[in-house]
């Protein structure tokens, strides 16, 4: 599983990255996390509002920060059913 945090490096983006790491640790999942700050790459995902969370090249959330439990729920919905 590869995970990308899309955003310019603002505090909300950093918080989403930290929450994602916490969620993954809670699930016992080892995943590579990449922070994408280049706006042309972000736009290529169709994201116009950051921060955004991309899992295995699929945008699962954008425009808001998420708490670790919300990320766990997203991962379970998309990848554990």
PDB file of N, CA and C in Angstrom:
ATOM      1  N   UNK A   1       0.857  -1.175   0.000  1.00  0.00           N
ATOM      2  CA  UNK A   1       0.000   0.000   0.000  1.00  0.00           C
ATOM      3  C   UNK A   1       0.899   1.231   0.000  1.00  0.00           C
ATOM      4  N   UNK A   2       0.617   2.147  -0.901  1.00  0.00           N
ATOM      5  CA  UNK A   2       1.321   3.424  -0.907  1.00  0.00           C
ATOM      6  C   UNK A   2       0.325   4.530  -0.597  1.00  0.00           C
ATOM      7  N   UNK A   3       0.774   5.455   0.194  1.00  0.00           N
ATOM      8  CA  UNK A   3      -0.086   6.552   0.622  1.00  0.00           C
ATOM      9  C   UNK A   3       0.613   7.859   0.301  1.00  0.00           C
ATOM     10  N   UNK A   4      -0.167   8.794  -0.238  1.00  0.00           N
ATOM     11  CA  UNK A   4       0.357  10.121  -0.531  1.00  0.00           C
ATOM     12  C   UNK A   4      -0.491  11.159   0.190  1.00  0.00           C
ATOM     13  N   UNK A   5       0.198  12.127   0.752  1.00  0.00           N
ATOM     14  CA  UNK A   5      -0.450  13.300   1.320  1.00  0.00           C
ATOM     15  C   UNK A   5      -0.205  14.416   0.314  1.00  0.00           C
ATOM     16  N   UNK A   6      -1.271  14.999  -0.195  1.00  0.00           N
ATOM     17  CA  UNK A   6      -1.151  16.074  -1.173  1.00  0.00           C
ATOM     18  C   UNK A   6      -1.374  17.403  -0.483  1.00  0.00           C
ATOM     19  N   UNK A   7      -0.427  18.315  -0.634  1.00  0.00           N
ATOM     20  CA  UNK A   7      -0.576  19.640  -0.048  1.00  0.00           C
ATOM     21  C   UNK A   7       0.735  20.381  -0.029  1.00  0.00           C
ATOM     22  N   UNK A   8       0.649  21.665   0.113  1.00  0.00           N
ATOM     23  CA  UNK A   8       1.819  22.525   0.025  1.00  0.00           C
ATOM     24  C   UNK A   8       2.743  22.513   1.224  1.00  0.00           C
ATOM     25  N   UNK A   9       2.416  21.768   2.238  1.00  0.00           N
ATOM     26  CA  UNK A   9       3.269  21.717   3.419  1.00  0.00           C
ATOM     27  C   UNK A   9       2.737  22.549   4.575  1.00  0.00           C
ATOM     28  N   UNK A  10       1.485  22.922   4.512  1.00  0.00           N
ATOM     29  CA  UNK A  10       0.870  23.716   5.579  1.00  0.00           C
ATOM     30  C   UNK A  10       0.662  22.852   6.826  1.00  0.00           C
ATOM     31  N   UNK A  11       0.234  23.480   7.891  1.00  0.00           N
ATOM     32  CA  UNK A  11       0.032  22.754   9.149  1.00  0.00           C
ATOM     33  C   UNK A  11      -1.044  21.673   9.020  1.00  0.00           C
ATOM     34  N   UNK A  12      -2.069  21.923   8.215  1.00  0.00           N
ATOM     35  CA  UNK A  12      -3.123  20.914   8.024  1.00  0.00           C
ATOM     36  C   UNK A  12      -2.580  19.679   7.302  1.00  0.00           C
ATOM     37  N   UNK A  13      -1.681  19.909   6.345  1.00  0.00           N
ATOM     38  CA  UNK A  13      -1.076  18.791   5.614  1.00  0.00           C
ATOM     39  C   UNK A  13      -0.188  17.969   6.538  1.00  0.00           C
ATOM     40  N   UNK A  14       0.580  18.648   7.355  1.00  0.00           N
ATOM     41  CA  UNK A  14       1.457  17.962   8.302  1.00  0.00           C
ATOM     42  C   UNK A  14       0.643  17.194   9.334  1.00  0.00           C
ATOM     43  N   UNK A  15      -0.474  17.768   9.762  1.00  0.00           N
ATOM     44  CA  UNK A  15      -1.345  17.086  10.718  1.00  0.00           C
ATOM     45  C   UNK A  15      -1.966  15.845  10.089  1.00  0.00           C
ATOM     46  N   UNK A  16      -2.348  15.928   8.810  1.00  0.00           N
ATOM     47  CA  UNK A  16      -2.907  14.763   8.124  1.00  0.00           C
ATOM     48  C   UNK A  16      -1.861  13.658   8.002  1.00  0.00           C
ATOM     49  N   UNK A  17      -0.632  14.027   7.734  1.00  0.00           N
ATOM     50  CA  UNK A  17       0.433  13.037   7.638  1.00  0.00           C
ATOM     51  C   UNK A  17       0.651  12.349   8.991  1.00  0.00           C
ATOM     52  N   UNK A  18       0.671  13.126  10.067  1.00  0.00           N
ATOM     53  CA  UNK A  18       0.853  12.557  11.406  1.00  0.00           C
ATOM     54  C   UNK A  18      -0.314  11.645  11.779  1.00  0.00           C
ATOM     55  N   UNK A  19      -1.532  12.071  11.457  1.00  0.00           N
ATOM     56  CA  UNK A  19      -2.715  11.259  11.757  1.00  0.00           C
ATOM     57  C   UNK A  19      -2.705   9.972  10.938  1.00  0.00           C
ATOM     58  N   UNK A  20      -2.234  10.045   9.711  1.00  0.00           N
ATOM     59  CA  UNK A  20      -2.144   8.859   8.854  1.00  0.00           C
ATOM     60  C   UNK A  20      -1.147   7.861   9.424  1.00  0.00           C
ATOM     61  N   UNK A  21       0.002   8.356   9.867  1.00  0.00           N
ATOM     62  CA  UNK A  21       1.000   7.481  10.483  1.00  0.00           C
ATOM     63  C   UNK A  21       0.437   6.815  11.732  1.00  0.00           C
ATOM     64  N   UNK A  22      -0.301   7.574  12.540  1.00  0.00           N
ATOM     65  CA  UNK A  22      -0.908   7.018  13.748  1.00  0.00           C
ATOM     66  C   UNK A  22      -1.949   5.960  13.398  1.00  0.00           C
ATOM     67  N   UNK A  23      -2.756   6.222  12.386  1.00  0.00           N
ATOM     68  CA  UNK A  23      -3.785   5.266  11.965  1.00  0.00           C
ATOM     69  C   UNK A  23      -3.155   3.967  11.466  1.00  0.00           C
ATOM     70  N   UNK A  24      -2.108   4.100  10.668  1.00  0.00           N
ATOM     71  CA  UNK A  24      -1.432   2.916  10.138  1.00  0.00           C
ATOM     72  C   UNK A  24      -0.793   2.101  11.256  1.00  0.00           C
ATOM     73  N   UNK A  25      -0.196   2.777  12.211  1.00  0.00           N
ATOM     74  CA  UNK A  25       0.409   2.078  13.350  1.00  0.00           C
ATOM     75  C   UNK A  25      -0.655   1.335  14.140  1.00  0.00           C
ATOM     76  N   UNK A  26      -1.800   1.964  14.316  1.00  0.00           N
ATOM     77  CA  UNK A  26      -2.898   1.323  15.038  1.00  0.00           C
ATOM     78  C   UNK A  26      -3.431   0.089  14.333  1.00  0.00           C
ATOM     79  N   UNK A  27      -3.375   0.111  13.014  1.00  0.00           N
ATOM     80  CA  UNK A  27      -3.831  -1.035  12.221  1.00  0.00           C
ATOM     81  C   UNK A  27      -2.738  -2.089  12.046  1.00  0.00           C
ATOM     82  N   UNK A  28      -1.524  -1.717  12.381  1.00  0.00           N
ATOM     83  CA  UNK A  28      -0.407  -2.630  12.173  1.00  0.00           C
ATOM     84  C   UNK A  28      -0.041  -2.772  10.704  1.00  0.00           C
ATOM     85  N   UNK A  29      -0.299  -1.725   9.932  1.00  0.00           N
ATOM     86  CA  UNK A  29      -0.039  -1.742   8.495  1.00  0.00           C
ATOM     87  C   UNK A  29       1.251  -0.990   8.208  1.00  0.00           C
ATOM     88  N   UNK A  30       2.106  -1.600   7.431  1.00  0.00           N
ATOM     89  CA  UNK A  30       3.338  -0.954   7.009  1.00  0.00           C
ATOM     90  C   UNK A  30       3.112  -0.392   5.611  1.00  0.00           C
ATOM     91  N   UNK A  31       3.162   0.912   5.482  1.00  0.00           N
ATOM     92  CA  UNK A  31       2.919   1.547   4.186  1.00  0.00           C
ATOM     93  C   UNK A  31       3.906   2.677   3.981  1.00  0.00           C
ATOM     94  N   UNK A  32       4.237   2.897   2.743  1.00  0.00           N
ATOM     95  CA  UNK A  32       5.105   4.011   2.376  1.00  0.00           C
ATOM     96  C   UNK A  32       4.242   5.271   2.294  1.00  0.00           C
ATOM     97  N   UNK A  33       4.708   6.339   2.927  1.00  0.00           N
ATOM     98  CA  UNK A  33       3.988   7.612   2.885  1.00  0.00           C
ATOM     99  C   UNK A  33       4.856   8.634   2.162  1.00  0.00           C
ATOM    100  N   UNK A  34       4.268   9.266   1.153  1.00  0.00           N
ATOM    101  CA  UNK A  34       4.967  10.296   0.381  1.00  0.00           C
ATOM    102  C   UNK A  34       4.186  11.595   0.501  1.00  0.00           C
ATOM    103  N   UNK A  35       4.884  12.696   0.719  1.00  0.00           N
ATOM    104  CA  UNK A  35       4.226  14.001   0.778  1.00  0.00           C
ATOM    105  C   UNK A  35       4.478  14.715  -0.553  1.00  0.00           C
ATOM    106  N   UNK A  36       3.415  14.967  -1.296  1.00  0.00           N
ATOM    107  CA  UNK A  36       3.507  15.614  -2.610  1.00  0.00           C
ATOM    108  C   UNK A  36       3.160  17.084  -2.441  1.00  0.00           C
ATOM    109  N   UNK A  37       4.118  17.955  -2.754  1.00  0.00           N
ATOM    110  CA  UNK A  37       3.901  19.392  -2.591  1.00  0.00           C
ATOM    111  C   UNK A  37       3.818  20.142  -3.912  1.00  0.00           C
ATOM    112  N   UNK A  38       4.157  19.495  -5.012  1.00  0.00           N
ATOM    113  CA  UNK A  38       4.134  20.136  -6.323  1.00  0.00           C
ATOM    114  C   UNK A  38       2.681  20.271  -6.794  1.00  0.00           C
ATOM    115  N   UNK A  39       2.254  21.519  -6.998  1.00  0.00           N
ATOM    116  CA  UNK A  39       0.843  21.750  -7.306  1.00  0.00           C
ATOM    117  C   UNK A  39       0.411  21.193  -8.658  1.00  0.00           C
ATOM    118  N   UNK A  40       1.318  21.059  -9.600  1.00  0.00           N
ATOM    119  CA  UNK A  40       0.931  20.444 -10.871  1.00  0.00           C
ATOM    120  C   UNK A  40       0.664  18.951 -10.677  1.00  0.00           C
ATOM    121  N   UNK A  41       1.441  18.297  -9.807  1.00  0.00           N
ATOM    122  CA  UNK A  41       1.190  16.885  -9.500  1.00  0.00           C
ATOM    123  C   UNK A  41      -0.119  16.733  -8.722  1.00  0.00           C
ATOM    124  N   UNK A  42      -0.379  17.658  -7.802  1.00  0.00           N
ATOM    125  CA  UNK A  42      -1.620  17.620  -7.028  1.00  0.00           C
ATOM    126  C   UNK A  42      -2.820  17.787  -7.965  1.00  0.00           C
ATOM    127  N   UNK A  43      -2.737  18.740  -8.884  1.00  0.00           N
ATOM    128  CA  UNK A  43      -3.827  18.985  -9.832  1.00  0.00           C
ATOM    129  C   UNK A  43      -4.054  17.778 -10.730  1.00  0.00           C
ATOM    130  N   UNK A  44      -3.009  17.009 -11.008  1.00  0.00           N
ATOM    131  CA  UNK A  44      -3.147  15.822 -11.856  1.00  0.00           C
ATOM    132  C   UNK A  44      -4.075  14.787 -11.218  1.00  0.00           C
ATOM    133  N   UNK A  45      -4.222  14.835  -9.908  1.00  0.00           N
ATOM    134  CA  UNK A  45      -5.162  13.947  -9.216  1.00  0.00           C
ATOM    135  C   UNK A  45      -6.587  14.511  -9.222  1.00  0.00           C
ATOM    136  N   UNK A  46      -6.768  15.711  -9.770  1.00  0.00           N
ATOM    137  CA  UNK A  46      -8.082  16.335  -9.792  1.00  0.00           C
ATOM    138  C   UNK A  46      -8.420  17.007  -8.474  1.00  0.00           C
ATOM    139  N   UNK A  47      -7.420  17.211  -7.643  1.00  0.00           N
ATOM    140  CA  UNK A  47      -7.623  17.808  -6.326  1.00  0.00           C
ATOM    141  C   UNK A  47      -7.385  19.308  -6.411  1.00  0.00           C
ATOM    142  N   UNK A  48      -8.375  20.068  -5.996  1.00  0.00           N
ATOM    143  CA  UNK A  48      -8.239  21.521  -5.988  1.00  0.00           C
ATOM    144  C   UNK A  48      -8.248  22.084  -4.570  1.00  0.00           C
ATOM    145  N   UNK A  49      -8.473  21.234  -3.599  1.00  0.00           N
ATOM    146  CA  UNK A  49      -8.523  21.649  -2.206  1.00  0.00           C
ATOM    147  C   UNK A  49      -7.705  20.669  -1.374  1.00  0.00           C
ATOM    148  N   UNK A  50      -6.709  21.183  -0.685  1.00  0.00           N
ATOM    149  CA  UNK A  50      -5.837  20.323   0.108  1.00  0.00           C
ATOM    150  C   UNK A  50      -6.085  20.555   1.597  1.00  0.00           C
ATOM    151  N   UNK A  51      -5.685  19.664   2.441  1.00  0.00           N
ATOM    152  CA  UNK A  51      -4.891  18.476   2.175  1.00  0.00           C
ATOM    153  C   UNK A  51      -5.738  17.361   1.568  1.00  0.00           C
ATOM    154  N   UNK A  52      -5.064  16.436   0.915  1.00  0.00           N
ATOM    155  CA  UNK A  52      -5.746  15.287   0.327  1.00  0.00           C
ATOM    156  C   UNK A  52      -4.996  14.025   0.697  1.00  0.00           C
ATOM    157  N   UNK A  53      -5.748  12.941   0.789  1.00  0.00           N
ATOM    158  CA  UNK A  53      -5.182  11.639   1.111  1.00  0.00           C
ATOM    159  C   UNK A  53      -5.407  10.716  -0.076  1.00  0.00           C
ATOM    160  N   UNK A  54      -4.314  10.147  -0.588  1.00  0.00           N
ATOM    161  CA  UNK A  54      -4.364   9.253  -1.737  1.00  0.00           C
ATOM    162  C   UNK A  54      -3.819   7.901  -1.299  1.00  0.00           C
ATOM    163  N   UNK A  55      -4.598   6.852  -1.535  1.00  0.00           N
ATOM    164  CA  UNK A  55      -4.182   5.496  -1.180  1.00  0.00           C
ATOM    165  C   UNK A  55      -4.158   4.663  -2.455  1.00  0.00           C
ATOM    166  N   UNK A  56      -2.996   4.107  -2.752  1.00  0.00           N
ATOM    167  CA  UNK A  56      -2.810   3.315  -3.969  1.00  0.00           C
ATOM    168  C   UNK A  56      -3.352   4.043  -5.197  1.00  0.00           C
ATOM    169  N   UNK A  57      -2.985   5.327  -5.300  1.00  0.00           N
ATOM    170  CA  UNK A  57      -3.325   6.193  -6.432  1.00  0.00           C
ATOM    171  C   UNK A  57      -4.806   6.552  -6.521  1.00  0.00           C
ATOM    172  N   UNK A  58      -5.571   6.320  -5.471  1.00  0.00           N
ATOM    173  CA  UNK A  58      -6.986   6.688  -5.446  1.00  0.00           C
ATOM    174  C   UNK A  58      -7.199   7.758  -4.376  1.00  0.00           C
ATOM    175  N   UNK A  59      -7.777   8.892  -4.762  1.00  0.00           N
ATOM    176  CA  UNK A  59      -8.068   9.959  -3.803  1.00  0.00           C
ATOM    177  C   UNK A  59      -9.228   9.501  -2.924  1.00  0.00           C
ATOM    178  N   UNK A  60      -8.973   9.414  -1.620  1.00  0.00           N
ATOM    179  CA  UNK A  60     -10.021   8.962  -0.699  1.00  0.00           C
ATOM    180  C   UNK A  60     -10.553  10.094   0.171  1.00  0.00           C
ATOM    181  N   UNK A  61      -9.836  11.220   0.221  1.00  0.00           N
ATOM    182  CA  UNK A  61     -10.299  12.377   0.977  1.00  0.00           C
ATOM    183  C   UNK A  61      -9.558  13.610   0.488  1.00  0.00           C
ATOM    184  N   UNK A  62     -10.246  14.752   0.487  1.00  0.00           N
ATOM    185  CA  UNK A  62      -9.589  16.004   0.133  1.00  0.00           C
ATOM    186  C   UNK A  62     -10.310  17.172   0.770  1.00  0.00           C
ATOM    187  N   UNK A  63      -9.560  18.239   0.989  1.00  0.00           N
ATOM    188  CA  UNK A  63     -10.145  19.473   1.485  1.00  0.00           C
ATOM    189  C   UNK A  63     -10.374  19.558   2.981  1.00  0.00           C
ATOM    190  N   UNK A  64      -9.953  18.533   3.715  1.00  0.00           N
ATOM    191  CA  UNK A  64     -10.149  18.600   5.163  1.00  0.00           C
ATOM    192  C   UNK A  64      -9.119  17.718   5.861  1.00  0.00           C
ATOM    193  N   UNK A  65      -8.869  18.070   7.098  1.00  0.00           N
ATOM    194  CA  UNK A  65      -8.011  17.242   7.922  1.00  0.00           C
ATOM    195  C   UNK A  65      -8.822  16.077   8.464  1.00  0.00           C
ATOM    196  N   UNK A  66      -8.155  15.004   8.732  1.00  0.00           N
ATOM    197  CA  UNK A  66      -8.823  13.817   9.272  1.00  0.00           C
ATOM    198  C   UNK A  66      -8.152  13.398  10.566  1.00  0.00           C
ATOM    199  N   UNK A  67      -8.932  12.834  11.452  1.00  0.00           N
ATOM    200  CA  UNK A  67      -8.400  12.262  12.678  1.00  0.00           C
ATOM    201  C   UNK A  67      -8.000  10.815  12.387  1.00  0.00           C
ATOM    202  N   UNK A  68      -7.122  10.259  13.212  1.00  0.00           N
ATOM    203  CA  UNK A  68      -6.687   8.877  12.971  1.00  0.00           C
ATOM    204  C   UNK A  68      -7.836   7.876  12.844  1.00  0.00           C
ATOM    205  N   UNK A  69      -8.877   8.015  13.670  1.00  0.00           N
ATOM    206  CA  UNK A  69      -9.996   7.064  13.587  1.00  0.00           C
ATOM    207  C   UNK A  69     -10.768   7.210  12.279  1.00  0.00           C
ATOM    208  N   UNK A  70     -10.822   8.415  11.727  1.00  0.00           N
ATOM    209  CA  UNK A  70     -11.477   8.618  10.433  1.00  0.00           C
ATOM    210  C   UNK A  70     -10.660   7.970   9.309  1.00  0.00           C
ATOM    211  N   UNK A  71      -9.354   8.043   9.418  1.00  0.00           N
ATOM    212  CA  UNK A  71      -8.486   7.419   8.423  1.00  0.00           C
ATOM    213  C   UNK A  71      -8.608   5.903   8.496  1.00  0.00           C
ATOM    214  N   UNK A  72      -8.653   5.371   9.712  1.00  0.00           N
ATOM    215  CA  UNK A  72      -8.840   3.926   9.889  1.00  0.00           C
ATOM    216  C   UNK A  72     -10.136   3.487   9.216  1.00  0.00           C
ATOM    217  N   UNK A  73     -11.214   4.245   9.422  1.00  0.00           N
ATOM    218  CA  UNK A  73     -12.506   3.904   8.812  1.00  0.00           C
ATOM    219  C   UNK A  73     -12.417   3.932   7.289  1.00  0.00           C
ATOM    220  N   UNK A  74     -11.733   4.935   6.736  1.00  0.00           N
ATOM    221  CA  UNK A  74     -11.564   5.004   5.277  1.00  0.00           C
ATOM    222  C   UNK A  74     -10.778   3.807   4.758  1.00  0.00           C
ATOM    223  N   UNK A  75      -9.705   3.482   5.425  1.00  0.00           N
ATOM    224  CA  UNK A  75      -8.887   2.350   4.982  1.00  0.00           C
ATOM    225  C   UNK A  75      -9.666   1.048   5.065  1.00  0.00           C
ATOM    226  N   UNK A  76     -10.447   0.882   6.103  1.00  0.00           N
ATOM    227  CA  UNK A  76     -11.248  -0.334   6.230  1.00  0.00           C
ATOM    228  C   UNK A  76     -12.327  -0.386   5.154  1.00  0.00           C
ATOM    229  N   UNK A  77     -12.928   0.754   4.844  1.00  0.00           N
ATOM    230  CA  UNK A  77     -13.980   0.809   3.833  1.00  0.00           C
ATOM    231  C   UNK A  77     -13.434   0.455   2.456  1.00  0.00           C
ATOM    232  N   UNK A  78     -12.283   1.045   2.105  1.00  0.00           N
ATOM    233  CA  UNK A  78     -11.748   0.867   0.765  1.00  0.00           C
ATOM    234  C   UNK A  78     -10.901  -0.373   0.590  1.00  0.00           C
ATOM    235  N   UNK A  79     -10.276  -0.847   1.668  1.00  0.00           N
ATOM    236  CA  UNK A  79      -9.240  -1.862   1.486  1.00  0.00           C
ATOM    237  C   UNK A  79      -9.391  -3.117   2.333  1.00  0.00           C
ATOM    238  N   UNK A  80     -10.344  -3.149   3.218  1.00  0.00           N
ATOM    239  CA  UNK A  80     -10.455  -4.317   4.105  1.00  0.00           C
ATOM    240  C   UNK A  80     -11.826  -4.980   4.022  1.00  0.00           C
ATOM    241  N   UNK A  81     -12.543  -4.743   2.950  1.00  0.00           N
ATOM    242  CA  UNK A  81     -13.875  -5.347   2.839  1.00  0.00           C
ATOM    243  C   UNK A  81     -13.844  -6.541   1.926  1.00  0.00           C
TER     244      UNK A  81
END
